[in-house]
N, C-alpha and C. Protein backbone atom coordinates (compact mmCIF):
# COMPACT_ATOMS: atom_id res chain seq x y z
N MET A 1 136.94 110.31 76.40
CA MET A 1 136.47 109.71 77.39
C MET A 1 136.81 108.67 78.39
N ARG A 2 136.19 108.99 79.44
CA ARG A 2 136.72 109.29 81.48
C ARG A 2 136.69 107.36 80.60
N ASP A 3 137.08 106.78 81.77
CA ASP A 3 138.10 105.54 81.88
C ASP A 3 137.13 105.05 83.01
N PRO A 4 136.03 104.40 82.82
CA PRO A 4 134.83 103.73 84.11
C PRO A 4 135.53 102.87 85.06
N GLY A 5 136.96 102.27 84.83
CA GLY A 5 137.36 102.00 86.23
C GLY A 5 138.02 103.31 87.09
N LEU A 6 137.98 104.49 86.26
CA LEU A 6 138.29 105.19 87.32
C LEU A 6 137.61 105.66 88.17
N ASP A 7 136.43 105.83 87.72
CA ASP A 7 134.91 105.86 88.45
C ASP A 7 134.75 104.95 89.28
N ARG A 8 135.12 103.58 88.98
CA ARG A 8 134.72 102.34 90.42
C ARG A 8 135.57 102.57 91.78
N HIS A 9 137.08 103.44 90.89
CA HIS A 9 138.00 103.22 92.52
C HIS A 9 137.80 104.18 92.99
N ASN A 10 137.18 105.62 92.45
CA ASN A 10 136.58 106.52 93.02
C ASN A 10 135.65 106.52 94.38
N TRP A 11 134.33 105.79 93.16
CA TRP A 11 133.40 105.15 94.52
C TRP A 11 134.04 104.65 95.38
N GLN A 12 134.63 103.86 95.41
CA GLN A 12 134.95 102.79 96.45
C GLN A 12 135.58 103.28 97.38
N THR A 13 136.66 104.27 97.03
CA THR A 13 137.61 105.02 98.29
C THR A 13 136.00 106.11 98.70
N GLU A 14 135.87 106.89 98.19
CA GLU A 14 134.56 107.48 98.89
C GLU A 14 133.56 106.36 99.77
N TRP A 15 133.10 105.91 99.54
CA TRP A 15 132.31 104.73 100.33
C TRP A 15 133.63 104.35 101.82
N GLU A 16 134.65 103.92 101.74
CA GLU A 16 135.38 103.68 102.03
C GLU A 16 135.50 103.77 103.28
N GLN A 17 135.57 105.53 103.44
CA GLN A 17 135.54 106.91 103.39
C GLN A 17 134.35 107.38 104.32
N LEU A 18 133.05 107.02 103.94
CA LEU A 18 132.06 107.52 104.64
C LEU A 18 131.71 105.90 105.33
N GLU A 19 131.89 104.92 105.29
CA GLU A 19 131.89 104.09 106.25
C GLU A 19 132.47 104.02 107.83
N ASP A 20 133.68 104.71 107.58
CA ASP A 20 133.58 104.92 108.81
C ASP A 20 132.95 105.97 109.36
N ASP A 21 132.73 106.81 109.18
CA ASP A 21 132.04 108.14 109.45
C ASP A 21 130.65 107.26 110.40
N LEU A 22 129.81 106.15 109.15
CA LEU A 22 128.74 106.27 109.95
C LEU A 22 128.65 105.27 110.77
N LYS A 23 130.05 104.64 111.92
CA LYS A 23 130.00 104.07 112.75
C LYS A 23 129.89 105.30 113.78
N ASP A 24 130.24 106.54 113.51
CA ASP A 24 130.03 107.36 115.19
C ASP A 24 128.99 108.48 114.50
N ALA A 25 128.23 108.37 113.39
CA ALA A 25 127.61 109.44 112.86
C ALA A 25 126.78 109.29 111.84
N PRO A 26 125.99 108.09 111.96
CA PRO A 26 125.09 107.60 111.03
C PRO A 26 124.13 108.35 110.48
N ALA A 27 123.03 109.60 111.26
CA ALA A 27 122.77 110.42 110.27
C ALA A 27 122.59 111.55 109.63
N GLU A 28 123.81 111.81 110.45
CA GLU A 28 125.01 112.82 110.28
C GLU A 28 125.66 112.57 108.32
N THR A 29 125.89 111.13 108.17
CA THR A 29 126.52 111.16 106.98
C THR A 29 125.94 110.31 105.64
N LEU A 30 124.31 110.14 106.10
CA LEU A 30 123.28 109.48 105.47
C LEU A 30 123.29 110.34 104.59
N PRO A 31 123.23 111.74 104.19
CA PRO A 31 123.56 112.53 103.15
C PRO A 31 124.36 112.58 102.16
N GLU A 32 125.25 112.18 102.64
CA GLU A 32 126.34 112.15 101.69
C GLU A 32 126.67 110.44 101.20
N ILE A 33 126.63 109.61 101.90
CA ILE A 33 125.96 108.32 101.21
C ILE A 33 124.97 108.86 100.07
N GLY A 34 124.46 109.44 99.95
CA GLY A 34 123.23 109.67 98.98
C GLY A 34 123.37 110.00 97.80
N ASP A 35 124.37 111.11 98.59
CA ASP A 35 124.28 111.88 97.60
C ASP A 35 125.68 110.93 96.44
N LEU A 36 126.47 110.12 97.09
CA LEU A 36 127.59 109.05 96.36
C LEU A 36 126.67 108.62 95.26
N VAL A 37 125.64 107.62 95.88
CA VAL A 37 124.65 106.77 95.46
C VAL A 37 124.11 107.28 94.39
N GLU A 38 123.31 108.52 94.41
CA GLU A 38 122.79 109.07 93.63
C GLU A 38 123.90 109.19 92.44
N ARG A 39 125.04 109.75 92.30
CA ARG A 39 126.25 109.80 90.93
C ARG A 39 126.28 108.77 90.15
N MET A 40 125.96 107.62 91.13
CA MET A 40 126.80 105.97 90.52
C MET A 40 125.32 105.80 89.65
N LEU A 41 123.94 105.98 90.64
CA LEU A 41 123.01 105.34 89.66
C LEU A 41 122.77 106.43 88.00
N ARG A 42 123.30 108.11 88.40
CA ARG A 42 122.78 108.75 87.29
C ARG A 42 124.01 108.54 86.17
N GLU A 43 125.37 107.94 86.46
CA GLU A 43 126.84 107.67 86.15
C GLU A 43 126.10 105.91 85.04
N ARG A 44 125.38 105.72 85.79
CA ARG A 44 124.88 104.21 85.00
C ARG A 44 123.50 103.99 83.96
N ARG A 45 123.24 105.88 84.80
CA ARG A 45 121.82 105.89 83.70
C ARG A 45 121.06 105.50 83.99
N PHE A 46 120.83 105.45 85.46
CA PHE A 46 119.26 105.02 85.70
C PHE A 46 118.25 106.40 86.34
N PRO A 47 117.16 106.09 85.21
CA PRO A 47 116.02 107.40 85.56
C PRO A 47 115.51 107.45 86.81
N LEU A 48 116.32 108.19 87.65
CA LEU A 48 115.86 108.92 89.00
C LEU A 48 114.72 110.08 89.00
N ASP A 49 115.02 111.07 87.99
CA ASP A 49 113.32 111.97 88.14
C ASP A 49 112.60 111.51 87.53
N ASP A 50 112.88 110.39 86.77
CA ASP A 50 111.36 110.19 86.13
C ASP A 50 110.46 108.81 86.09
N ALA A 51 109.26 109.16 87.14
CA ALA A 51 108.50 108.23 87.91
C ALA A 51 107.44 107.04 86.82
N VAL A 52 107.59 107.71 85.23
CA VAL A 52 107.11 106.48 84.59
C VAL A 52 108.15 105.90 83.70
N ALA A 53 109.66 106.33 84.12
CA ALA A 53 110.00 105.67 83.18
C ALA A 53 111.07 104.11 83.53
N ASP A 54 110.15 103.65 84.11
CA ASP A 54 110.88 102.17 85.14
C ASP A 54 110.66 101.08 84.63
N ASP A 55 110.11 101.22 83.39
CA ASP A 55 110.11 100.37 82.80
C ASP A 55 110.94 99.52 81.91
N GLY A 56 111.72 98.33 82.19
CA GLY A 56 112.77 97.78 81.28
C GLY A 56 114.34 98.07 82.48
N ILE A 57 114.29 98.55 83.11
CA ILE A 57 115.10 98.29 84.46
C ILE A 57 115.09 97.77 85.25
N GLU A 58 115.51 97.84 86.28
CA GLU A 58 115.43 97.54 87.72
C GLU A 58 114.37 98.09 89.25
N LEU A 59 113.57 97.60 88.91
CA LEU A 59 112.62 98.57 89.90
C LEU A 59 112.78 98.20 91.13
N GLU A 60 113.36 96.81 91.64
CA GLU A 60 113.77 97.31 93.28
C GLU A 60 115.00 97.77 93.58
N VAL A 61 115.82 98.55 92.63
CA VAL A 61 117.18 99.61 92.93
C VAL A 61 116.42 101.04 92.75
N LEU A 62 115.52 100.82 91.31
CA LEU A 62 114.84 102.39 92.55
C LEU A 62 114.28 102.59 93.30
N ALA A 63 113.38 101.92 93.18
CA ALA A 63 112.05 101.80 94.99
C ALA A 63 112.76 101.76 96.32
N ASN A 64 114.39 101.14 96.53
CA ASN A 64 114.65 101.08 97.12
C ASN A 64 115.96 102.84 97.46
N TYR A 65 116.31 102.95 96.23
CA TYR A 65 116.85 104.24 96.40
C TYR A 65 115.71 105.03 96.97
N ARG A 66 114.43 105.35 95.92
CA ARG A 66 113.83 106.57 96.55
C ARG A 66 113.16 106.78 97.87
N SER A 67 113.39 105.23 98.55
CA SER A 67 112.35 105.02 99.96
C SER A 67 113.82 105.55 100.48
N ALA A 68 115.02 105.37 100.84
CA ALA A 68 116.32 105.83 101.13
C ALA A 68 116.12 107.49 101.13
N ARG A 69 116.44 108.46 99.86
CA ARG A 69 116.27 108.91 99.49
C ARG A 69 115.44 109.47 100.25
N GLU A 70 113.66 109.39 100.44
CA GLU A 70 113.12 110.19 101.23
C GLU A 70 113.28 110.07 103.03
N ILE A 71 114.29 109.00 103.44
CA ILE A 71 115.05 109.18 105.25
C ILE A 71 115.62 110.04 105.11
N THR A 72 116.33 110.02 104.01
CA THR A 72 117.27 110.92 103.76
C THR A 72 116.80 112.80 103.68
N THR A 73 116.07 112.80 103.06
CA THR A 73 115.56 113.78 102.85
C THR A 73 114.98 114.51 104.64
N GLN A 74 113.92 113.94 105.27
CA GLN A 74 113.62 114.10 106.47
C GLN A 74 114.69 114.46 107.26
N VAL A 75 116.05 113.68 107.41
CA VAL A 75 117.18 114.12 107.59
C VAL A 75 117.72 115.38 107.46
N GLU A 76 117.66 115.87 106.53
CA GLU A 76 118.33 116.65 106.21
C GLU A 76 116.97 117.72 106.82
N ARG A 77 116.24 117.96 106.63
CA ARG A 77 114.94 119.07 107.25
C ARG A 77 115.66 119.11 108.68
N GLY A 78 116.17 117.71 109.22
CA GLY A 78 116.14 117.95 111.05
C GLY A 78 114.53 117.71 111.11
N GLU A 79 113.68 116.87 111.27
CA GLU A 79 113.07 116.30 111.01
C GLU A 79 113.44 114.46 111.84
N ASN A 80 112.50 114.27 112.77
CA ASN A 80 113.06 114.00 113.96
C ASN A 80 112.23 112.20 113.56
N VAL A 81 113.42 110.74 112.63
CA VAL A 81 113.67 109.95 112.27
C VAL A 81 113.73 109.13 113.09
N ASP A 82 113.72 107.63 113.50
CA ASP A 82 113.57 107.22 113.93
C ASP A 82 114.97 106.17 113.59
N PRO A 83 115.81 106.05 114.60
CA PRO A 83 117.02 105.31 114.18
C PRO A 83 117.02 104.28 113.17
N ALA A 84 115.63 103.13 113.44
CA ALA A 84 115.97 102.54 112.56
C ALA A 84 115.36 102.46 111.42
N GLU A 85 114.73 103.32 111.11
CA GLU A 85 114.55 103.86 109.13
C GLU A 85 115.88 104.68 108.80
N ILE A 86 116.78 104.91 109.74
CA ILE A 86 117.99 105.38 109.38
C ILE A 86 118.42 104.51 109.15
N GLY A 87 118.89 103.36 109.58
CA GLY A 87 119.37 102.58 109.81
C GLY A 87 118.99 101.41 108.32
N GLN A 88 117.88 101.19 107.90
CA GLN A 88 116.72 100.73 106.86
C GLN A 88 117.45 101.51 105.45
N ALA A 89 117.59 103.15 105.42
CA ALA A 89 117.98 104.14 104.38
C ALA A 89 119.29 103.33 104.12
N ILE A 90 120.48 103.65 105.12
CA ILE A 90 121.87 103.17 105.22
C ILE A 90 122.10 101.69 104.08
N HIS A 91 121.10 100.95 105.10
CA HIS A 91 121.35 99.46 104.58
C HIS A 91 120.76 99.05 102.56
N ASN A 92 119.77 100.16 102.74
CA ASN A 92 119.32 99.99 100.96
C ASN A 92 120.13 100.91 100.03
N PHE A 93 121.04 101.91 101.25
CA PHE A 93 122.21 102.79 99.74
C PHE A 93 123.29 101.60 99.87
N ARG A 94 123.65 100.94 100.78
CA ARG A 94 124.56 100.15 100.90
C ARG A 94 124.19 98.38 99.54
N ASP A 95 123.14 98.35 100.16
CA ASP A 95 122.99 97.32 98.68
C ASP A 95 122.66 97.89 97.00
N ILE A 96 122.71 99.59 97.16
CA ILE A 96 122.22 99.59 95.34
C ILE A 96 123.57 99.96 95.41
N TYR A 97 125.17 100.43 96.47
CA TYR A 97 125.73 100.46 95.79
C TYR A 97 126.94 99.19 95.81
N GLU A 98 126.58 98.15 96.65
CA GLU A 98 126.95 96.91 96.14
C GLU A 98 126.74 96.46 94.92
N GLN A 99 125.86 96.90 94.33
CA GLN A 99 124.87 96.13 93.14
C GLN A 99 125.65 96.60 91.60
N LEU A 100 125.58 98.20 92.14
CA LEU A 100 126.51 99.06 91.62
C LEU A 100 128.12 98.92 91.02
N ILE A 101 128.79 98.28 92.28
CA ILE A 101 130.33 98.27 92.25
C ILE A 101 130.56 96.74 91.12
N ASP A 102 129.37 95.41 91.73
CA ASP A 102 129.92 94.75 91.37
C ASP A 102 129.50 94.19 89.78
N ARG A 103 128.55 95.47 88.94
CA ARG A 103 128.81 95.68 87.75
C ARG A 103 129.55 95.80 86.99
N PRO A 104 129.87 94.90 85.82
CA PRO A 104 131.28 95.90 84.97
C PRO A 104 130.71 96.65 84.46
N ASP A 105 131.62 97.34 83.60
CA ASP A 105 131.88 98.68 83.37
C ASP A 105 130.94 98.66 82.13
N ASN A 106 130.17 99.38 81.65
CA ASN A 106 129.66 99.40 80.45
C ASN A 106 130.25 100.66 79.58
């Protein structure tokens, strides 16, 4: 059995490294932040792939994740994305990250 505290420590370390990269290259760093948040959500058993499984879980977390992931996908495709949308995606990922880090380990 894995130590949940180890996951939290690893997530914090990775987030801190990505925060530094965000200052210089937000669009380029966005996919990495998205991947980290996705791993965190999956570890916490959020049903990311099942749109009808939203009952009983925090709908705002999933809505923010899906919105940020959509922008991230556009960035990854090389589409022209408004910097304000990139900023909103980063804000959404940061909000989710902070919520998950602050939760007690299950």
